[in-house]
Amino acid sequence: MIVSKDSEFHQRSLLYGHPPKFIYLRVGNCSTSKIVQILRDEIDIVSQFGDREAESILILS
């Protein structure tokens, strides 16, 4: 699973699907602690996404 703010990974995921699964963080410029907080707040969604075989991208903001 890849976690990134880079839109190129987002485009690759749309074009080729998975693997790998991709978590796209649409947060702009922010601190690492803000990214960690987002991932912690959404841990249930991230976990469910990891278990779903048909899904290749998860967008968090």
PDB file of N, CA and C in Angstrom:
ATOM      1  N   MET A   1       0.853  -1.166   0.000  1.00  0.00           N
ATOM      2  CA  MET A   1       0.000   0.000   0.000  1.00  0.00           C
ATOM      3  C   MET A   1       0.898   1.228   0.000  1.00  0.00           C
ATOM      4  N   ILE A   2       0.556   2.199  -0.842  1.00  0.00           N
ATOM      5  CA  ILE A   2       1.294   3.457  -0.941  1.00  0.00           C
ATOM      6  C   ILE A   2       0.433   4.563  -0.355  1.00  0.00           C
ATOM      7  N   VAL A   3       1.053   5.431   0.453  1.00  0.00           N
ATOM      8  CA  VAL A   3       0.393   6.624   0.978  1.00  0.00           C
ATOM      9  C   VAL A   3       1.190   7.813   0.465  1.00  0.00           C
ATOM     10  N   SER A   4       0.513   8.738  -0.223  1.00  0.00           N
ATOM     11  CA  SER A   4       1.230   9.860  -0.816  1.00  0.00           C
ATOM     12  C   SER A   4       0.311  11.052  -1.023  1.00  0.00           C
ATOM     13  N   LYS A   5       0.936  12.234  -1.120  1.00  0.00           N
ATOM     14  CA  LYS A   5       0.236  13.443  -1.513  1.00  0.00           C
ATOM     15  C   LYS A   5       0.489  13.743  -2.988  1.00  0.00           C
ATOM     16  N   ASP A   6       1.265  12.912  -3.661  1.00  0.00           N
ATOM     17  CA  ASP A   6       1.678  13.119  -5.039  1.00  0.00           C
ATOM     18  C   ASP A   6       0.570  12.704  -6.012  1.00  0.00           C
ATOM     19  N   SER A   7       0.120  13.619  -6.835  1.00  0.00           N
ATOM     20  CA  SER A   7      -0.979  13.323  -7.762  1.00  0.00           C
ATOM     21  C   SER A   7      -0.573  12.320  -8.845  1.00  0.00           C
ATOM     22  N   GLU A   8       0.725  12.150  -9.112  1.00  0.00           N
ATOM     23  CA  GLU A   8       1.149  11.167 -10.109  1.00  0.00           C
ATOM     24  C   GLU A   8       0.760   9.748  -9.688  1.00  0.00           C
ATOM     25  N   PHE A   9       0.859   9.440  -8.413  1.00  0.00           N
ATOM     26  CA  PHE A   9       0.424   8.129  -7.934  1.00  0.00           C
ATOM     27  C   PHE A   9      -1.084   7.979  -8.106  1.00  0.00           C
ATOM     28  N   HIS A  10      -1.822   9.062  -7.875  1.00  0.00           N
ATOM     29  CA  HIS A  10      -3.264   9.054  -8.055  1.00  0.00           C
ATOM     30  C   HIS A  10      -3.599   8.733  -9.509  1.00  0.00           C
ATOM     31  N   GLN A  11      -2.937   9.390 -10.448  1.00  0.00           N
ATOM     32  CA  GLN A  11      -3.175   9.156 -11.862  1.00  0.00           C
ATOM     33  C   GLN A  11      -2.805   7.719 -12.249  1.00  0.00           C
ATOM     34  N   ARG A  12      -1.685   7.210 -11.724  1.00  0.00           N
ATOM     35  CA  ARG A  12      -1.255   5.837 -12.015  1.00  0.00           C
ATOM     36  C   ARG A  12      -2.303   4.843 -11.532  1.00  0.00           C
ATOM     37  N   SER A  13      -2.839   5.093 -10.342  1.00  0.00           N
ATOM     38  CA  SER A  13      -3.839   4.199  -9.773  1.00  0.00           C
ATOM     39  C   SER A  13      -5.098   4.176 -10.632  1.00  0.00           C
ATOM     40  N   LEU A  14      -5.503   5.334 -11.135  1.00  0.00           N
ATOM     41  CA  LEU A  14      -6.693   5.388 -11.994  1.00  0.00           C
ATOM     42  C   LEU A  14      -6.447   4.678 -13.316  1.00  0.00           C
ATOM     43  N   LEU A  15      -5.235   4.778 -13.836  1.00  0.00           N
ATOM     44  CA  LEU A  15      -4.904   4.186 -15.124  1.00  0.00           C
ATOM     45  C   LEU A  15      -4.709   2.677 -15.050  1.00  0.00           C
ATOM     46  N   TYR A  16      -3.944   2.222 -14.042  1.00  0.00           N
ATOM     47  CA  TYR A  16      -3.558   0.814 -13.978  1.00  0.00           C
ATOM     48  C   TYR A  16      -4.276   0.002 -12.906  1.00  0.00           C
ATOM     49  N   GLY A  17      -4.982   0.668 -12.001  1.00  0.00           N
ATOM     50  CA  GLY A  17      -5.627  -0.067 -10.914  1.00  0.00           C
ATOM     51  C   GLY A  17      -4.605  -0.563  -9.905  1.00  0.00           C
ATOM     52  N   HIS A  18      -4.892  -1.663  -9.256  1.00  0.00           N
ATOM     53  CA  HIS A  18      -3.978  -2.191  -8.251  1.00  0.00           C
ATOM     54  C   HIS A  18      -3.560  -3.594  -8.607  1.00  0.00           C
ATOM     55  N   PRO A  19      -2.519  -4.171  -8.034  1.00  0.00           N
ATOM     56  CA  PRO A  19      -1.723  -3.586  -6.960  1.00  0.00           C
ATOM     57  C   PRO A  19      -0.794  -2.496  -7.479  1.00  0.00           C
ATOM     58  N   PRO A  20      -0.237  -1.672  -6.698  1.00  0.00           N
ATOM     59  CA  PRO A  20      -0.497  -1.545  -5.269  1.00  0.00           C
ATOM     60  C   PRO A  20      -1.731  -0.694  -4.999  1.00  0.00           C
ATOM     61  N   LYS A  21      -2.263  -0.877  -3.821  1.00  0.00           N
ATOM     62  CA  LYS A  21      -3.341  -0.016  -3.358  1.00  0.00           C
ATOM     63  C   LYS A  21      -2.726   1.336  -3.016  1.00  0.00           C
ATOM     64  N   PHE A  22      -3.519   2.393  -3.154  1.00  0.00           N
ATOM     65  CA  PHE A  22      -2.996   3.736  -2.995  1.00  0.00           C
ATOM     66  C   PHE A  22      -3.918   4.580  -2.124  1.00  0.00           C
ATOM     67  N   ILE A  23      -3.347   5.223  -1.126  1.00  0.00           N
ATOM     68  CA  ILE A  23      -4.067   6.189  -0.298  1.00  0.00           C
ATOM     69  C   ILE A  23      -3.555   7.562  -0.690  1.00  0.00           C
ATOM     70  N   TYR A  24      -4.445   8.361  -1.252  1.00  0.00           N
ATOM     71  CA  TYR A  24      -4.108   9.688  -1.734  1.00  0.00           C
ATOM     72  C   TYR A  24      -4.526  10.718  -0.691  1.00  0.00           C
ATOM     73  N   LEU A  25      -3.560  11.462  -0.172  1.00  0.00           N
ATOM     74  CA  LEU A  25      -3.817  12.487   0.832  1.00  0.00           C
ATOM     75  C   LEU A  25      -3.967  13.832   0.138  1.00  0.00           C
ATOM     76  N   ARG A  26      -5.171  14.338   0.095  1.00  0.00           N
ATOM     77  CA  ARG A  26      -5.429  15.645  -0.520  1.00  0.00           C
ATOM     78  C   ARG A  26      -5.470  16.693   0.575  1.00  0.00           C
ATOM     79  N   VAL A  27      -4.287  17.053   1.042  1.00  0.00           N
ATOM     80  CA  VAL A  27      -4.201  17.957   2.185  1.00  0.00           C
ATOM     81  C   VAL A  27      -3.352  19.191   1.924  1.00  0.00           C
ATOM     82  N   GLY A  28      -2.735  19.317   0.756  1.00  0.00           N
ATOM     83  CA  GLY A  28      -1.888  20.475   0.499  1.00  0.00           C
ATOM     84  C   GLY A  28      -0.667  20.455   1.407  1.00  0.00           C
ATOM     85  N   ASN A  29      -0.089  21.614   1.602  1.00  0.00           N
ATOM     86  CA  ASN A  29       1.084  21.703   2.476  1.00  0.00           C
ATOM     87  C   ASN A  29       0.641  21.621   3.929  1.00  0.00           C
ATOM     88  N   CYS A  30       1.197  20.649   4.637  1.00  0.00           N
ATOM     89  CA  CYS A  30       0.882  20.502   6.055  1.00  0.00           C
ATOM     90  C   CYS A  30       2.027  19.759   6.737  1.00  0.00           C
ATOM     91  N   SER A  31       1.988  19.749   8.028  1.00  0.00           N
ATOM     92  CA  SER A  31       3.046  19.107   8.807  1.00  0.00           C
ATOM     93  C   SER A  31       2.878  17.589   8.817  1.00  0.00           C
ATOM     94  N   THR A  32       3.964  16.931   9.122  1.00  0.00           N
ATOM     95  CA  THR A  32       3.926  15.474   9.255  1.00  0.00           C
ATOM     96  C   THR A  32       2.960  15.070  10.356  1.00  0.00           C
ATOM     97  N   SER A  33       2.919  15.834  11.426  1.00  0.00           N
ATOM     98  CA  SER A  33       2.011  15.502  12.529  1.00  0.00           C
ATOM     99  C   SER A  33       0.547  15.590  12.084  1.00  0.00           C
ATOM    100  N   LYS A  34       0.231  16.512  11.164  1.00  0.00           N
ATOM    101  CA  LYS A  34      -1.131  16.611  10.637  1.00  0.00           C
ATOM    102  C   LYS A  34      -1.472  15.364   9.806  1.00  0.00           C
ATOM    103  N   ILE A  35      -0.521  14.885   9.011  1.00  0.00           N
ATOM    104  CA  ILE A  35      -0.731  13.673   8.213  1.00  0.00           C
ATOM    105  C   ILE A  35      -0.942  12.470   9.126  1.00  0.00           C
ATOM    106  N   VAL A  36      -0.128  12.358  10.157  1.00  0.00           N
ATOM    107  CA  VAL A  36      -0.277  11.264  11.120  1.00  0.00           C
ATOM    108  C   VAL A  36      -1.651  11.333  11.770  1.00  0.00           C
ATOM    109  N   GLN A  37      -2.098  12.532  12.120  1.00  0.00           N
ATOM    110  CA  GLN A  37      -3.410  12.684  12.759  1.00  0.00           C
ATOM    111  C   GLN A  37      -4.534  12.255  11.817  1.00  0.00           C
ATOM    112  N   ILE A  38      -4.438  12.625  10.545  1.00  0.00           N
ATOM    113  CA  ILE A  38      -5.456  12.221   9.568  1.00  0.00           C
ATOM    114  C   ILE A  38      -5.515  10.700   9.474  1.00  0.00           C
ATOM    115  N   LEU A  39      -4.359  10.056   9.347  1.00  0.00           N
ATOM    116  CA  LEU A  39      -4.328   8.593   9.236  1.00  0.00           C
ATOM    117  C   LEU A  39      -4.855   7.923  10.502  1.00  0.00           C
ATOM    118  N   ARG A  40      -4.522   8.468  11.654  1.00  0.00           N
ATOM    119  CA  ARG A  40      -5.047   7.907  12.911  1.00  0.00           C
ATOM    120  C   ARG A  40      -6.554   8.080  13.019  1.00  0.00           C
ATOM    121  N   ASP A  41      -7.045   9.243  12.620  1.00  0.00           N
ATOM    122  CA  ASP A  41      -8.483   9.505  12.686  1.00  0.00           C
ATOM    123  C   ASP A  41      -9.275   8.590  11.752  1.00  0.00           C
ATOM    124  N   GLU A  42      -8.663   8.192  10.664  1.00  0.00           N
ATOM    125  CA  GLU A  42      -9.344   7.383   9.644  1.00  0.00           C
ATOM    126  C   GLU A  42      -8.880   5.926   9.635  1.00  0.00           C
ATOM    127  N   ILE A  43      -8.307   5.437  10.723  1.00  0.00           N
ATOM    128  CA  ILE A  43      -7.722   4.094  10.767  1.00  0.00           C
ATOM    129  C   ILE A  43      -8.739   3.005  10.425  1.00  0.00           C
ATOM    130  N   ASP A  44      -9.990   3.157  10.822  1.00  0.00           N
ATOM    131  CA  ASP A  44     -11.007   2.149  10.496  1.00  0.00           C
ATOM    132  C   ASP A  44     -11.268   2.104   8.991  1.00  0.00           C
ATOM    133  N   ILE A  45     -11.349   3.270   8.363  1.00  0.00           N
ATOM    134  CA  ILE A  45     -11.570   3.340   6.921  1.00  0.00           C
ATOM    135  C   ILE A  45     -10.375   2.767   6.168  1.00  0.00           C
ATOM    136  N   VAL A  46      -9.158   3.101   6.628  1.00  0.00           N
ATOM    137  CA  VAL A  46      -7.943   2.591   6.001  1.00  0.00           C
ATOM    138  C   VAL A  46      -7.882   1.065   6.113  1.00  0.00           C
ATOM    139  N   SER A  47      -8.225   0.545   7.262  1.00  0.00           N
ATOM    140  CA  SER A  47      -8.213  -0.900   7.481  1.00  0.00           C
ATOM    141  C   SER A  47      -9.220  -1.606   6.574  1.00  0.00           C
ATOM    142  N   GLN A  48     -10.427  -1.064   6.484  1.00  0.00           N
ATOM    143  CA  GLN A  48     -11.447  -1.639   5.612  1.00  0.00           C
ATOM    144  C   GLN A  48     -11.007  -1.582   4.156  1.00  0.00           C
ATOM    145  N   PHE A  49     -10.387  -0.478   3.754  1.00  0.00           N
ATOM    146  CA  PHE A  49      -9.880  -0.325   2.392  1.00  0.00           C
ATOM    147  C   PHE A  49      -8.845  -1.409   2.082  1.00  0.00           C
ATOM    148  N   GLY A  50      -7.974  -1.689   3.025  1.00  0.00           N
ATOM    149  CA  GLY A  50      -6.960  -2.723   2.832  1.00  0.00           C
ATOM    150  C   GLY A  50      -7.554  -4.099   2.631  1.00  0.00           C
ATOM    151  N   ASP A  51      -8.723  -4.336   3.208  1.00  0.00           N
ATOM    152  CA  ASP A  51      -9.373  -5.648   3.105  1.00  0.00           C
ATOM    153  C   ASP A  51     -10.211  -5.823   1.834  1.00  0.00           C
ATOM    154  N   ARG A  52     -10.540  -4.739   1.175  1.00  0.00           N
ATOM    155  CA  ARG A  52     -11.402  -4.809  -0.015  1.00  0.00           C
ATOM    156  C   ARG A  52     -10.547  -5.006  -1.270  1.00  0.00           C
ATOM    157  N   GLU A  53     -10.721  -6.128  -1.917  1.00  0.00           N
ATOM    158  CA  GLU A  53      -9.911  -6.458  -3.083  1.00  0.00           C
ATOM    159  C   GLU A  53     -10.264  -5.621  -4.306  1.00  0.00           C
ATOM    160  N   ALA A  54     -11.486  -5.192  -4.437  1.00  0.00           N
ATOM    161  CA  ALA A  54     -11.922  -4.488  -5.641  1.00  0.00           C
ATOM    162  C   ALA A  54     -11.519  -3.017  -5.675  1.00  0.00           C
ATOM    163  N   GLU A  55     -11.140  -2.453  -4.542  1.00  0.00           N
ATOM    164  CA  GLU A  55     -10.821  -1.034  -4.483  1.00  0.00           C
ATOM    165  C   GLU A  55      -9.314  -0.830  -4.621  1.00  0.00           C
ATOM    166  N   SER A  56      -8.936   0.207  -5.386  1.00  0.00           N
ATOM    167  CA  SER A  56      -7.513   0.461  -5.588  1.00  0.00           C
ATOM    168  C   SER A  56      -7.078   1.817  -5.041  1.00  0.00           C
ATOM    169  N   ILE A  57      -8.011   2.720  -4.769  1.00  0.00           N
ATOM    170  CA  ILE A  57      -7.642   4.050  -4.293  1.00  0.00           C
ATOM    171  C   ILE A  57      -8.577   4.512  -3.184  1.00  0.00           C
ATOM    172  N   LEU A  58      -7.988   5.163  -2.189  1.00  0.00           N
ATOM    173  CA  LEU A  58      -8.719   5.778  -1.096  1.00  0.00           C
ATOM    174  C   LEU A  58      -8.231   7.210  -0.997  1.00  0.00           C
ATOM    175  N   ILE A  59      -9.142   8.165  -1.028  1.00  0.00           N
ATOM    176  CA  ILE A  59      -8.767   9.571  -0.941  1.00  0.00           C
ATOM    177  C   ILE A  59      -9.159  10.090   0.431  1.00  0.00           C
ATOM    178  N   LEU A  60      -8.176  10.659   1.124  1.00  0.00           N
ATOM    179  CA  LEU A  60      -8.410  11.251   2.435  1.00  0.00           C
ATOM    180  C   LEU A  60      -8.057  12.730   2.378  1.00  0.00           C
ATOM    181  N   SER A  61      -8.814  13.541   3.111  1.00  0.00           N
ATOM    182  CA  SER A  61      -8.513  14.970   3.160  1.00  0.00           C
ATOM    183  C   SER A  61      -8.725  15.499   4.553  1.00  0.00           C
TER     184      SER A  61
END
